Amino acid sequence: EGSSVVPHVYCIGDANGKMMLAHAASAQGISAIENICGRDHAVNHDAIPAACFTHPEIAMVGPTEEQARERAEKEGWTLGKSTGSFRANSKALAELEGNGMAKCLFKEETGEVVAVHIIGIHAADLIQECSNAVAAGTTVQELSMMVHTHPTLCEVLDEAFKGAVGMAAH
């Protein structure tokens, strides 16, 4: 915003101020090359995951809950929210890491996943499934019917997806 497009000039990574993440810069570089080669491409920054390697780990894809709420109000759709807990996950408990949660934000009218926020063990690894869902426009209805390996941490996401469609087990 507040900038202008200069034909045949591409700016990727930290220099464009969009997302200061190495994997975002890589995606932007690939997109720039695609466009230079005449293949129209735009990066969906809402589908780029981010992670903080703290203890517990924190990971997210898409807007914050507040940003999603504002977007829903502006665009005229209803924001849905569902959570899954590491406290109910046998693998997390076996690792003595039962603290944490995953939150899935979605469009209630369509089920489209808008954002996912995870706090807990291996959150940075778990966010990729969610990033792919945002990028592909996958719905919580579709995700709720996908099988997640047991016993694994990804079942925390499965719980959130199932909860979004009224199928929560915990």
N, C-alpha and C. Protein backbone atom coordinates (compact mmCIF):
# COMPACT_ATOMS: atom_id res chain seq x y z
N GLU A 1 0.83 -1.17 0.00
CA GLU A 1 0.00 0.00 0.00
C GLU A 1 0.87 1.23 0.00
N GLY A 2 0.40 2.25 -0.66
CA GLY A 2 1.15 3.49 -0.73
C GLY A 2 2.35 3.42 -1.65
N SER A 3 2.46 2.35 -2.43
CA SER A 3 3.59 2.21 -3.35
C SER A 3 3.06 2.11 -4.77
N SER A 4 3.95 2.19 -5.70
CA SER A 4 3.54 2.08 -7.10
C SER A 4 4.29 0.93 -7.76
N VAL A 5 3.68 0.38 -8.79
CA VAL A 5 4.28 -0.71 -9.54
C VAL A 5 5.18 -0.13 -10.62
N VAL A 6 6.40 -0.62 -10.67
CA VAL A 6 7.33 -0.22 -11.72
C VAL A 6 7.49 -1.42 -12.63
N PRO A 7 7.09 -1.28 -13.90
CA PRO A 7 7.17 -2.42 -14.82
C PRO A 7 8.58 -3.02 -14.88
N HIS A 8 8.65 -4.34 -14.87
CA HIS A 8 9.90 -5.11 -15.02
C HIS A 8 10.86 -4.97 -13.84
N VAL A 9 10.38 -4.46 -12.70
CA VAL A 9 11.20 -4.38 -11.50
C VAL A 9 10.51 -5.23 -10.43
N TYR A 10 11.24 -6.15 -9.83
CA TYR A 10 10.69 -7.05 -8.83
C TYR A 10 11.46 -6.89 -7.53
N CYS A 11 10.73 -6.91 -6.42
CA CYS A 11 11.33 -6.73 -5.11
C CYS A 11 10.87 -7.89 -4.22
N ILE A 12 11.82 -8.68 -3.74
CA ILE A 12 11.45 -9.84 -2.92
C ILE A 12 12.10 -9.74 -1.55
N GLY A 13 11.60 -10.56 -0.64
CA GLY A 13 12.21 -10.68 0.68
C GLY A 13 12.01 -9.47 1.56
N ASP A 14 12.94 -9.26 2.47
CA ASP A 14 12.84 -8.19 3.45
C ASP A 14 12.67 -6.82 2.81
N ALA A 15 13.19 -6.64 1.61
CA ALA A 15 13.15 -5.33 0.95
C ALA A 15 11.74 -4.88 0.62
N ASN A 16 10.79 -5.81 0.43
CA ASN A 16 9.43 -5.38 0.11
C ASN A 16 8.55 -5.21 1.34
N GLY A 17 9.02 -5.62 2.51
CA GLY A 17 8.31 -5.38 3.75
C GLY A 17 7.06 -6.20 3.97
N LYS A 18 6.80 -7.20 3.13
CA LYS A 18 5.57 -8.01 3.27
C LYS A 18 5.69 -9.01 4.42
N MET A 19 6.64 -9.90 4.33
CA MET A 19 6.87 -10.90 5.38
C MET A 19 8.37 -11.14 5.46
N MET A 20 8.94 -10.88 6.60
CA MET A 20 10.38 -11.02 6.73
C MET A 20 10.74 -12.44 7.18
N LEU A 21 10.49 -13.38 6.26
CA LEU A 21 10.75 -14.80 6.49
C LEU A 21 11.49 -15.35 5.28
N ALA A 22 12.49 -16.19 5.49
CA ALA A 22 13.28 -16.74 4.39
C ALA A 22 12.41 -17.50 3.39
N HIS A 23 11.47 -18.30 3.88
CA HIS A 23 10.64 -19.08 2.96
C HIS A 23 9.65 -18.19 2.20
N ALA A 24 9.28 -17.06 2.77
CA ALA A 24 8.44 -16.09 2.04
C ALA A 24 9.26 -15.46 0.91
N ALA A 25 10.50 -15.11 1.20
CA ALA A 25 11.37 -14.53 0.18
C ALA A 25 11.59 -15.52 -0.96
N SER A 26 11.77 -16.79 -0.63
CA SER A 26 11.94 -17.81 -1.65
C SER A 26 10.70 -17.90 -2.54
N ALA A 27 9.52 -17.91 -1.93
CA ALA A 27 8.27 -17.97 -2.70
C ALA A 27 8.12 -16.73 -3.59
N GLN A 28 8.50 -15.58 -3.05
CA GLN A 28 8.43 -14.34 -3.83
C GLN A 28 9.42 -14.37 -5.00
N GLY A 29 10.60 -14.94 -4.77
CA GLY A 29 11.59 -15.05 -5.84
C GLY A 29 11.11 -15.96 -6.96
N ILE A 30 10.52 -17.08 -6.59
CA ILE A 30 9.96 -18.00 -7.59
C ILE A 30 8.85 -17.30 -8.37
N SER A 31 8.01 -16.58 -7.65
CA SER A 31 6.92 -15.85 -8.30
C SER A 31 7.46 -14.80 -9.27
N ALA A 32 8.51 -14.09 -8.86
CA ALA A 32 9.10 -13.08 -9.74
C ALA A 32 9.62 -13.73 -11.03
N ILE A 33 10.30 -14.85 -10.91
CA ILE A 33 10.81 -15.54 -12.10
C ILE A 33 9.67 -16.01 -12.99
N GLU A 34 8.60 -16.56 -12.38
CA GLU A 34 7.44 -16.97 -13.16
C GLU A 34 6.90 -15.80 -13.98
N ASN A 35 6.77 -14.65 -13.34
CA ASN A 35 6.25 -13.47 -14.04
C ASN A 35 7.22 -12.97 -15.12
N ILE A 36 8.51 -13.01 -14.84
CA ILE A 36 9.52 -12.61 -15.83
C ILE A 36 9.42 -13.51 -17.06
N CYS A 37 9.12 -14.78 -16.83
CA CYS A 37 9.00 -15.76 -17.93
C CYS A 37 7.64 -15.70 -18.62
N GLY A 38 6.78 -14.79 -18.20
CA GLY A 38 5.49 -14.63 -18.84
C GLY A 38 4.39 -15.51 -18.28
N ARG A 39 4.66 -16.18 -17.14
CA ARG A 39 3.64 -17.01 -16.50
C ARG A 39 3.11 -16.25 -15.29
N ASP A 40 1.90 -15.72 -15.41
CA ASP A 40 1.31 -14.89 -14.37
C ASP A 40 1.23 -15.65 -13.04
N HIS A 41 1.78 -15.08 -11.98
CA HIS A 41 1.75 -15.71 -10.66
C HIS A 41 1.78 -14.64 -9.58
N ALA A 42 1.02 -14.88 -8.51
CA ALA A 42 1.04 -14.00 -7.34
C ALA A 42 1.14 -14.86 -6.09
N VAL A 43 1.91 -14.43 -5.13
CA VAL A 43 2.07 -15.15 -3.88
C VAL A 43 0.87 -14.84 -2.98
N ASN A 44 0.28 -15.87 -2.42
CA ASN A 44 -0.78 -15.71 -1.44
C ASN A 44 -0.12 -15.64 -0.07
N HIS A 45 0.11 -14.43 0.42
CA HIS A 45 0.81 -14.27 1.69
C HIS A 45 0.01 -14.81 2.88
N ASP A 46 -1.31 -14.94 2.74
CA ASP A 46 -2.11 -15.53 3.80
C ASP A 46 -1.80 -17.01 3.99
N ALA A 47 -1.21 -17.64 2.99
CA ALA A 47 -0.92 -19.08 3.05
C ALA A 47 0.52 -19.37 3.45
N ILE A 48 1.29 -18.36 3.78
CA ILE A 48 2.69 -18.57 4.18
C ILE A 48 2.75 -18.72 5.70
N PRO A 49 3.23 -19.86 6.18
CA PRO A 49 3.29 -20.07 7.62
C PRO A 49 4.44 -19.32 8.28
N ALA A 50 4.28 -19.09 9.57
CA ALA A 50 5.34 -18.47 10.37
C ALA A 50 5.47 -19.26 11.66
N ALA A 51 6.67 -19.28 12.23
CA ALA A 51 6.89 -20.03 13.46
C ALA A 51 7.89 -19.32 14.36
N CYS A 52 7.67 -19.46 15.66
CA CYS A 52 8.61 -18.98 16.67
C CYS A 52 9.12 -20.21 17.41
N PHE A 53 10.43 -20.38 17.41
CA PHE A 53 11.03 -21.58 18.01
C PHE A 53 11.33 -21.32 19.48
N THR A 54 10.24 -21.15 20.22
CA THR A 54 10.30 -20.93 21.66
C THR A 54 9.85 -22.23 22.34
N HIS A 55 9.72 -22.19 23.64
CA HIS A 55 9.16 -23.35 24.34
C HIS A 55 8.00 -22.87 25.19
N PRO A 56 6.78 -23.18 24.82
CA PRO A 56 6.40 -24.02 23.68
C PRO A 56 6.54 -23.27 22.36
N GLU A 57 6.58 -24.04 21.27
CA GLU A 57 6.64 -23.42 19.94
C GLU A 57 5.31 -22.73 19.64
N ILE A 58 5.40 -21.72 18.77
CA ILE A 58 4.22 -20.99 18.31
C ILE A 58 4.28 -20.97 16.79
N ALA A 59 3.16 -21.25 16.14
CA ALA A 59 3.13 -21.21 14.68
C ALA A 59 1.77 -20.69 14.23
N MET A 60 1.76 -20.07 13.07
CA MET A 60 0.50 -19.54 12.54
C MET A 60 0.54 -19.46 11.03
N VAL A 61 -0.64 -19.46 10.46
CA VAL A 61 -0.80 -19.19 9.04
C VAL A 61 -2.07 -18.37 8.92
N GLY A 62 -2.06 -17.38 8.04
CA GLY A 62 -3.22 -16.51 7.88
C GLY A 62 -3.21 -15.37 8.87
N PRO A 63 -4.28 -14.59 8.87
CA PRO A 63 -4.34 -13.41 9.74
C PRO A 63 -4.54 -13.78 11.20
N THR A 64 -4.31 -12.81 12.09
CA THR A 64 -4.64 -12.99 13.50
C THR A 64 -6.15 -13.06 13.63
N GLU A 65 -6.63 -13.48 14.79
CA GLU A 65 -8.07 -13.56 14.99
C GLU A 65 -8.72 -12.18 14.84
N GLU A 66 -8.08 -11.16 15.38
CA GLU A 66 -8.61 -9.79 15.25
C GLU A 66 -8.66 -9.35 13.79
N GLN A 67 -7.60 -9.61 13.04
CA GLN A 67 -7.59 -9.27 11.61
C GLN A 67 -8.65 -10.05 10.84
N ALA A 68 -8.83 -11.32 11.18
CA ALA A 68 -9.84 -12.14 10.51
C ALA A 68 -11.24 -11.61 10.83
N ARG A 69 -11.47 -11.21 12.07
CA ARG A 69 -12.76 -10.66 12.47
C ARG A 69 -13.05 -9.38 11.67
N GLU A 70 -12.05 -8.51 11.55
CA GLU A 70 -12.21 -7.28 10.78
C GLU A 70 -12.48 -7.58 9.31
N ARG A 71 -11.76 -8.54 8.76
CA ARG A 71 -11.94 -8.92 7.37
C ARG A 71 -13.36 -9.47 7.14
N ALA A 72 -13.82 -10.30 8.07
CA ALA A 72 -15.16 -10.88 7.97
C ALA A 72 -16.22 -9.79 7.97
N GLU A 73 -16.06 -8.84 8.86
CA GLU A 73 -17.02 -7.74 8.96
C GLU A 73 -17.02 -6.89 7.68
N LYS A 74 -15.84 -6.61 7.17
CA LYS A 74 -15.70 -5.79 5.96
C LYS A 74 -16.23 -6.51 4.72
N GLU A 75 -15.98 -7.82 4.62
CA GLU A 75 -16.35 -8.59 3.43
C GLU A 75 -17.72 -9.28 3.54
N GLY A 76 -18.33 -9.22 4.72
CA GLY A 76 -19.68 -9.74 4.88
C GLY A 76 -19.81 -11.24 5.07
N TRP A 77 -18.90 -11.85 5.80
CA TRP A 77 -19.03 -13.26 6.13
C TRP A 77 -18.86 -13.45 7.63
N THR A 78 -19.25 -14.61 8.14
CA THR A 78 -19.21 -14.89 9.57
C THR A 78 -17.98 -15.72 9.90
N LEU A 79 -17.23 -15.27 10.90
CA LEU A 79 -16.02 -15.96 11.32
C LEU A 79 -16.37 -17.07 12.30
N GLY A 80 -15.95 -18.28 11.98
CA GLY A 80 -16.11 -19.41 12.89
C GLY A 80 -14.78 -19.71 13.56
N LYS A 81 -14.85 -20.32 14.74
CA LYS A 81 -13.62 -20.65 15.48
C LYS A 81 -13.80 -21.99 16.16
N SER A 82 -12.78 -22.82 16.07
CA SER A 82 -12.78 -24.11 16.74
C SER A 82 -11.38 -24.38 17.27
N THR A 83 -11.29 -25.08 18.39
CA THR A 83 -9.98 -25.35 18.98
C THR A 83 -9.78 -26.84 19.24
N GLY A 84 -8.52 -27.20 19.32
CA GLY A 84 -8.10 -28.54 19.73
C GLY A 84 -7.06 -28.37 20.81
N SER A 85 -6.99 -29.31 21.74
CA SER A 85 -6.09 -29.17 22.88
C SER A 85 -5.02 -30.25 22.91
N PHE A 86 -3.82 -29.86 23.25
CA PHE A 86 -2.74 -30.83 23.46
C PHE A 86 -3.00 -31.63 24.74
N ARG A 87 -3.80 -31.10 25.64
CA ARG A 87 -4.11 -31.75 26.92
C ARG A 87 -4.86 -33.07 26.71
N ALA A 88 -5.56 -33.17 25.57
CA ALA A 88 -6.32 -34.39 25.28
C ALA A 88 -5.58 -35.30 24.29
N ASN A 89 -4.30 -35.00 24.01
CA ASN A 89 -3.55 -35.73 23.00
C ASN A 89 -2.55 -36.68 23.66
N SER A 90 -2.68 -37.97 23.37
CA SER A 90 -1.85 -38.98 24.04
C SER A 90 -0.36 -38.82 23.75
N LYS A 91 0.00 -38.43 22.54
CA LYS A 91 1.43 -38.24 22.21
C LYS A 91 2.01 -37.06 22.98
N ALA A 92 1.26 -35.95 23.04
CA ALA A 92 1.73 -34.79 23.80
C ALA A 92 1.88 -35.14 25.27
N LEU A 93 0.93 -35.90 25.80
CA LEU A 93 1.01 -36.30 27.21
C LEU A 93 2.19 -37.23 27.46
N ALA A 94 2.47 -38.13 26.52
CA ALA A 94 3.62 -39.03 26.65
C ALA A 94 4.94 -38.25 26.63
N GLU A 95 4.95 -37.12 25.92
CA GLU A 95 6.13 -36.26 25.84
C GLU A 95 6.18 -35.26 27.01
N LEU A 96 5.19 -35.35 27.91
CA LEU A 96 5.04 -34.41 29.03
C LEU A 96 4.88 -32.98 28.53
N GLU A 97 4.14 -32.83 27.42
CA GLU A 97 3.93 -31.53 26.78
C GLU A 97 2.43 -31.30 26.54
N GLY A 98 1.62 -31.50 27.55
CA GLY A 98 0.17 -31.37 27.41
C GLY A 98 -0.35 -29.95 27.34
N ASN A 99 0.51 -28.96 27.58
CA ASN A 99 0.05 -27.57 27.48
C ASN A 99 0.10 -27.11 26.03
N GLY A 100 -0.98 -26.54 25.57
CA GLY A 100 -1.00 -26.00 24.23
C GLY A 100 -2.34 -26.21 23.56
N MET A 101 -2.51 -25.55 22.44
CA MET A 101 -3.77 -25.63 21.70
C MET A 101 -3.57 -25.24 20.25
N ALA A 102 -4.56 -25.63 19.44
CA ALA A 102 -4.61 -25.22 18.04
C ALA A 102 -5.97 -24.55 17.84
N LYS A 103 -5.97 -23.44 17.15
CA LYS A 103 -7.20 -22.70 16.88
C LYS A 103 -7.37 -22.57 15.37
N CYS A 104 -8.51 -22.99 14.88
CA CYS A 104 -8.82 -22.90 13.46
C CYS A 104 -9.90 -21.83 13.26
N LEU A 105 -9.61 -20.85 12.41
CA LEU A 105 -10.58 -19.82 12.06
C LEU A 105 -11.05 -20.10 10.64
N PHE A 106 -12.35 -20.03 10.43
CA PHE A 106 -12.91 -20.40 9.13
C PHE A 106 -14.15 -19.58 8.81
N LYS A 107 -14.49 -19.56 7.53
CA LYS A 107 -15.71 -18.88 7.09
C LYS A 107 -16.89 -19.83 7.35
N GLU A 108 -17.81 -19.43 8.21
CA GLU A 108 -18.93 -20.31 8.55
C GLU A 108 -19.78 -20.66 7.34
N GLU A 109 -19.95 -19.72 6.43
CA GLU A 109 -20.81 -19.95 5.27
C GLU A 109 -20.27 -21.00 4.33
N THR A 110 -18.95 -21.07 4.17
CA THR A 110 -18.34 -21.99 3.21
C THR A 110 -17.46 -23.06 3.84
N GLY A 111 -17.03 -22.84 5.07
CA GLY A 111 -16.10 -23.76 5.73
C GLY A 111 -14.64 -23.52 5.36
N GLU A 112 -14.37 -22.55 4.49
CA GLU A 112 -13.00 -22.27 4.05
C GLU A 112 -12.11 -21.88 5.24
N VAL A 113 -10.96 -22.53 5.36
CA VAL A 113 -10.01 -22.21 6.42
C VAL A 113 -9.36 -20.86 6.12
N VAL A 114 -9.44 -19.96 7.09
CA VAL A 114 -8.89 -18.62 6.95
C VAL A 114 -7.53 -18.52 7.64
N ALA A 115 -7.41 -19.13 8.82
CA ALA A 115 -6.18 -19.05 9.61
C ALA A 115 -6.14 -20.18 10.62
N VAL A 116 -4.93 -20.53 11.03
CA VAL A 116 -4.73 -21.49 12.12
C VAL A 116 -3.58 -20.99 12.97
N HIS A 117 -3.77 -21.05 14.29
CA HIS A 117 -2.75 -20.64 15.25
C HIS A 117 -2.51 -21.82 16.19
N ILE A 118 -1.24 -22.15 16.39
CA ILE A 118 -0.88 -23.31 17.23
C ILE A 118 0.15 -22.88 18.26
N ILE A 119 -0.07 -23.28 19.49
CA ILE A 119 0.92 -23.11 20.56
C ILE A 119 1.10 -24.49 21.17
N GLY A 120 2.31 -25.03 21.09
CA GLY A 120 2.57 -26.33 21.68
C GLY A 120 3.73 -27.04 21.01
N ILE A 121 4.01 -28.23 21.51
CA ILE A 121 5.13 -29.02 21.00
C ILE A 121 5.00 -29.23 19.49
N HIS A 122 6.07 -28.99 18.78
CA HIS A 122 6.18 -29.16 17.33
C HIS A 122 5.15 -28.35 16.52
N ALA A 123 4.74 -27.21 17.05
CA ALA A 123 3.79 -26.35 16.34
C ALA A 123 4.32 -25.97 14.96
N ALA A 124 5.63 -25.74 14.85
CA ALA A 124 6.23 -25.34 13.57
C ALA A 124 6.10 -26.43 12.52
N ASP A 125 6.08 -27.69 12.95
CA ASP A 125 5.90 -28.80 12.01
C ASP A 125 4.42 -28.98 11.67
N LEU A 126 3.57 -28.82 12.66
CA LEU A 126 2.13 -29.04 12.46
C LEU A 126 1.48 -28.00 11.56
N ILE A 127 2.03 -26.81 11.49
CA ILE A 127 1.38 -25.72 10.75
C ILE A 127 1.35 -25.98 9.24
N GLN A 128 2.22 -26.83 8.72
CA GLN A 128 2.29 -27.03 7.26
C GLN A 128 0.99 -27.56 6.68
N GLU A 129 0.35 -28.51 7.36
CA GLU A 129 -0.94 -29.02 6.89
C GLU A 129 -1.94 -27.87 6.75
N CYS A 130 -1.89 -26.96 7.69
CA CYS A 130 -2.82 -25.82 7.71
C CYS A 130 -2.49 -24.82 6.61
N SER A 131 -1.21 -24.61 6.38
CA SER A 131 -0.77 -23.72 5.30
C SER A 131 -1.24 -24.26 3.95
N ASN A 132 -1.10 -25.55 3.76
CA ASN A 132 -1.57 -26.17 2.52
C ASN A 132 -3.07 -26.03 2.38
N ALA A 133 -3.81 -26.16 3.49
CA ALA A 133 -5.27 -26.02 3.46
C ALA A 133 -5.67 -24.62 3.06
N VAL A 134 -5.00 -23.61 3.61
CA VAL A 134 -5.30 -22.22 3.25
C VAL A 134 -4.98 -21.99 1.78
N ALA A 135 -3.82 -22.47 1.33
CA ALA A 135 -3.40 -22.28 -0.06
C ALA A 135 -4.36 -22.95 -1.04
N ALA A 136 -4.88 -24.10 -0.68
CA ALA A 136 -5.74 -24.87 -1.59
C ALA A 136 -7.22 -24.53 -1.44
N GLY A 137 -7.56 -23.70 -0.45
CA GLY A 137 -8.97 -23.38 -0.23
C GLY A 137 -9.74 -24.54 0.37
N THR A 138 -9.05 -25.41 1.09
CA THR A 138 -9.67 -26.59 1.69
C THR A 138 -10.63 -26.15 2.80
N THR A 139 -11.74 -26.86 2.93
CA THR A 139 -12.73 -26.51 3.94
C THR A 139 -12.57 -27.36 5.20
N VAL A 140 -13.15 -26.87 6.30
CA VAL A 140 -13.12 -27.66 7.53
C VAL A 140 -13.94 -28.94 7.35
N GLN A 141 -14.94 -28.90 6.50
CA GLN A 141 -15.71 -30.12 6.22
C GLN A 141 -14.80 -31.18 5.59
N GLU A 142 -13.99 -30.77 4.62
CA GLU A 142 -13.07 -31.71 3.96
C GLU A 142 -12.01 -32.19 4.95
N LEU A 143 -11.42 -31.27 5.70
CA LEU A 143 -10.36 -31.63 6.65
C LEU A 143 -10.88 -32.54 7.75
N SER A 144 -12.13 -32.34 8.17
CA SER A 144 -12.68 -33.15 9.25
C SER A 144 -12.85 -34.61 8.86
N MET A 145 -12.89 -34.89 7.56
CA MET A 145 -13.06 -36.26 7.09
C MET A 145 -11.74 -36.91 6.66
N MET A 146 -10.64 -36.19 6.80
CA MET A 146 -9.32 -36.74 6.48
C MET A 146 -8.78 -37.47 7.70
N VAL A 147 -8.15 -38.59 7.47
CA VAL A 147 -7.65 -39.43 8.56
C VAL A 147 -6.30 -38.91 9.03
N HIS A 148 -6.17 -38.72 10.34
CA HIS A 148 -4.92 -38.31 10.96
C HIS A 148 -4.37 -39.49 11.75
N THR A 149 -3.10 -39.76 11.62
CA THR A 149 -2.45 -40.90 12.25
C THR A 149 -2.60 -40.85 13.78
N HIS A 150 -2.83 -42.01 14.37
CA HIS A 150 -2.93 -42.11 15.83
C HIS A 150 -1.85 -43.05 16.33
N PRO A 151 -1.16 -42.73 17.38
CA PRO A 151 -1.22 -41.50 18.15
C PRO A 151 -0.17 -40.50 17.67
N THR A 152 -0.60 -39.35 17.21
CA THR A 152 0.33 -38.31 16.78
C THR A 152 -0.19 -36.95 17.22
N LEU A 153 0.70 -35.98 17.17
CA LEU A 153 0.34 -34.61 17.55
C LEU A 153 -0.66 -33.99 16.58
N CYS A 154 -0.67 -34.45 15.32
CA CYS A 154 -1.58 -33.85 14.34
C CYS A 154 -3.04 -34.09 14.69
N GLU A 155 -3.30 -34.97 15.63
CA GLU A 155 -4.67 -35.18 16.08
C GLU A 155 -5.24 -33.95 16.79
N VAL A 156 -4.37 -33.08 17.27
CA VAL A 156 -4.84 -31.81 17.85
C VAL A 156 -5.53 -30.99 16.76
N LEU A 157 -4.97 -30.99 15.55
CA LEU A 157 -5.60 -30.31 14.43
C LEU A 157 -6.89 -31.01 14.03
N ASP A 158 -6.86 -32.33 14.01
CA ASP A 158 -8.05 -33.11 13.67
C ASP A 158 -9.20 -32.75 14.61
N GLU A 159 -8.88 -32.60 15.89
CA GLU A 159 -9.90 -32.21 16.87
C GLU A 159 -10.49 -30.84 16.54
N ALA A 160 -9.64 -29.89 16.16
CA ALA A 160 -10.12 -28.55 15.81
C ALA A 160 -10.98 -28.60 14.55
N PHE A 161 -10.55 -29.36 13.55
CA PHE A 161 -11.31 -29.45 12.30
C PHE A 161 -12.67 -30.11 12.54
N LYS A 162 -12.66 -31.18 13.31
CA LYS A 162 -13.92 -31.88 13.61
C LYS A 162 -14.85 -31.00 14.46
N GLY A 163 -14.26 -30.27 15.40
CA GLY A 163 -15.05 -29.37 16.23
C GLY A 163 -15.74 -28.29 15.41
N ALA A 164 -15.11 -27.87 14.33
CA ALA A 164 -15.68 -26.83 13.47
C ALA A 164 -16.97 -27.28 12.80
N VAL A 165 -17.14 -28.59 12.65
CA VAL A 165 -18.34 -29.11 11.99
C VAL A 165 -19.21 -29.92 12.95
N GLY A 166 -18.98 -29.74 14.26
CA GLY A 166 -19.81 -30.40 15.26
C GLY A 166 -19.51 -31.85 15.50
N MET A 167 -18.28 -32.28 15.19
CA MET A 167 -17.89 -33.69 15.37
C MET A 167 -16.81 -33.88 16.43
N ALA A 168 -16.62 -32.91 17.34
CA ALA A 168 -15.55 -33.00 18.32
C ALA A 168 -15.70 -34.22 19.21
N ALA A 169 -14.60 -34.92 19.48
CA ALA A 169 -14.62 -36.12 20.31
C ALA A 169 -14.19 -35.83 21.74
N HIS A 170 -13.45 -34.74 21.96
CA HIS A 170 -12.94 -34.45 23.32
C HIS A 170 -13.63 -33.24 23.91
